[in-house]
Amino acid sequence: MNQLVRMSQIGDAETVEEPSADLRVPFAQSGAFVCKYIIGEPNDRAVCCGAPVSDGKSWCAYHRRIVFEPTRPGRIR
């Protein structure tokens, strides 16, 4: 299950490098503790990032920076 994360828990974008393309795996074959961020079009042949995720979340630190939008001042969610 995906979890909400505060942006302060993620860190600076400059310090997080994009995972290697060598880690990519077909989404249907991705197991636990790997990044499930889909690279390209989500279809029956979807490929996900596959980078190791030790914290039990759905995305690696790099892709969490893309998935979660920073809170803007004065904006209530």
C-alpha atoms as a PDB file:
ATOM      1  CA  MET A   1       0.000   0.000   0.000  1.00  0.00           C
ATOM      2  CA  ASN A   2       1.279   3.466  -0.852  1.00  0.00           C
ATOM      3  CA  GLN A   3       1.949   5.777   2.055  1.00  0.00           C
ATOM      4  CA  LEU A   4       1.872   9.549   2.371  1.00  0.00           C
ATOM      5  CA  VAL A   5       5.250  11.079   3.112  1.00  0.00           C
ATOM      6  CA  ARG A   6       6.171  14.586   4.206  1.00  0.00           C
ATOM      7  CA  MET A   7       8.578  16.272   1.793  1.00  0.00           C
ATOM      8  CA  SER A   8      11.001  16.832   4.698  1.00  0.00           C
ATOM      9  CA  GLN A   9      11.390  13.046   4.915  1.00  0.00           C
ATOM     10  CA  ILE A  10      12.558  12.758   1.324  1.00  0.00           C
ATOM     11  CA  GLY A  11      15.561  15.085   1.159  1.00  0.00           C
ATOM     12  CA  ASP A  12      17.019  17.333  -1.538  1.00  0.00           C
ATOM     13  CA  ALA A  13      16.480  16.428  -5.184  1.00  0.00           C
ATOM     14  CA  GLU A  14      20.133  17.172  -5.948  1.00  0.00           C
ATOM     15  CA  THR A  15      21.309  14.467  -3.527  1.00  0.00           C
ATOM     16  CA  VAL A  16      19.187  11.673  -5.036  1.00  0.00           C
ATOM     17  CA  GLU A  17      20.515  10.077  -8.212  1.00  0.00           C
ATOM     18  CA  GLU A  18      18.351   8.342 -10.795  1.00  0.00           C
ATOM     19  CA  PRO A  19      18.512   4.543 -10.397  1.00  0.00           C
ATOM     20  CA  SER A  20      20.303   2.519 -13.059  1.00  0.00           C
ATOM     21  CA  ALA A  21      18.288   1.242 -16.009  1.00  0.00           C
ATOM     22  CA  ASP A  22      19.855  -2.175 -15.305  1.00  0.00           C
ATOM     23  CA  LEU A  23      17.520  -2.528 -12.302  1.00  0.00           C
ATOM     24  CA  ARG A  24      14.311  -2.299 -14.348  1.00  0.00           C
ATOM     25  CA  VAL A  25      11.981  -5.283 -14.278  1.00  0.00           C
ATOM     26  CA  PRO A  26       8.557  -6.109 -15.737  1.00  0.00           C
ATOM     27  CA  PHE A  27       5.915  -4.796 -13.333  1.00  0.00           C
ATOM     28  CA  ALA A  28       4.204  -8.193 -13.160  1.00  0.00           C
ATOM     29  CA  GLN A  29       7.487  -9.717 -11.932  1.00  0.00           C
ATOM     30  CA  SER A  30       8.395  -7.022  -9.430  1.00  0.00           C
ATOM     31  CA  GLY A  31       8.514  -8.347  -5.909  1.00  0.00           C
ATOM     32  CA  ALA A  32       8.469  -6.759  -2.493  1.00  0.00           C
ATOM     33  CA  PHE A  33      10.976  -4.058  -1.606  1.00  0.00           C
ATOM     34  CA  VAL A  34      11.551  -2.769  -5.139  1.00  0.00           C
ATOM     35  CA  CYS A  35      10.457   0.557  -6.618  1.00  0.00           C
ATOM     36  CA  LYS A  36       7.142   0.193  -8.451  1.00  0.00           C
ATOM     37  CA  TYR A  37       7.432   3.464 -10.424  1.00  0.00           C
ATOM     38  CA  ILE A  38       6.340   2.617 -13.976  1.00  0.00           C
ATOM     39  CA  ILE A  39       8.764   3.689 -16.689  1.00  0.00           C
ATOM     40  CA  GLY A  40       6.884   4.592 -19.863  1.00  0.00           C
ATOM     41  CA  GLU A  41       3.273   3.692 -20.570  1.00  0.00           C
ATOM     42  CA  PRO A  42       1.286   1.677 -18.013  1.00  0.00           C
ATOM     43  CA  ASN A  43       0.081  -1.313 -20.017  1.00  0.00           C
ATOM     44  CA  ASP A  44       0.264  -5.111 -19.865  1.00  0.00           C
ATOM     45  CA  ARG A  45       4.014  -4.960 -20.640  1.00  0.00           C
ATOM     46  CA  ALA A  46       4.808  -2.183 -18.142  1.00  0.00           C
ATOM     47  CA  VAL A  47       8.336  -1.944 -16.764  1.00  0.00           C
ATOM     48  CA  CYS A  48       9.030  -0.564 -13.309  1.00  0.00           C
ATOM     49  CA  CYS A  49      12.147   1.053 -11.842  1.00  0.00           C
ATOM     50  CA  GLY A  50      13.130  -1.976  -9.747  1.00  0.00           C
ATOM     51  CA  ALA A  51      15.553  -0.090  -7.475  1.00  0.00           C
ATOM     52  CA  PRO A  52      15.784  -1.546  -3.966  1.00  0.00           C
ATOM     53  CA  VAL A  53      13.437   0.022  -1.413  1.00  0.00           C
ATOM     54  CA  SER A  54      14.412  -0.831   2.148  1.00  0.00           C
ATOM     55  CA  ASP A  55      11.761   1.274   3.884  1.00  0.00           C
ATOM     56  CA  GLY A  56       8.753  -0.740   2.679  1.00  0.00           C
ATOM     57  CA  LYS A  57       7.390   2.053   0.504  1.00  0.00           C
ATOM     58  CA  SER A  58       6.293   1.756  -3.126  1.00  0.00           C
ATOM     59  CA  TRP A  59       8.885   4.058  -4.687  1.00  0.00           C
ATOM     60  CA  CYS A  60      12.603   4.698  -4.343  1.00  0.00           C
ATOM     61  CA  ALA A  61      13.741   8.130  -3.091  1.00  0.00           C
ATOM     62  CA  TYR A  62      14.308   9.382  -6.648  1.00  0.00           C
ATOM     63  CA  HIS A  63      10.799   8.548  -7.841  1.00  0.00           C
ATOM     64  CA  ARG A  64       9.142   9.732  -4.613  1.00  0.00           C
ATOM     65  CA  ARG A  65      10.462  13.192  -5.572  1.00  0.00           C
ATOM     66  CA  ILE A  66       8.409  12.914  -8.777  1.00  0.00           C
ATOM     67  CA  VAL A  67       5.278  11.365  -7.263  1.00  0.00           C
ATOM     68  CA  PHE A  68       4.865  13.722  -4.297  1.00  0.00           C
ATOM     69  CA  GLU A  69       4.313  17.410  -4.970  1.00  0.00           C
ATOM     70  CA  PRO A  70       5.798  19.823  -2.392  1.00  0.00           C
ATOM     71  CA  THR A  71       3.215  21.663  -0.319  1.00  0.00           C
ATOM     72  CA  ARG A  72       2.894  25.270  -1.383  1.00  0.00           C
ATOM     73  CA  PRO A  73       2.559  27.966   1.281  1.00  0.00           C
ATOM     74  CA  GLY A  74      -1.081  28.828   1.949  1.00  0.00           C
ATOM     75  CA  ARG A  75      -2.405  25.716   0.220  1.00  0.00           C
ATOM     76  CA  ILE A  76      -4.653  23.440   2.243  1.00  0.00           C
ATOM     77  CA  ARG A  77      -5.092  19.825   1.202  1.00  0.00           C
END
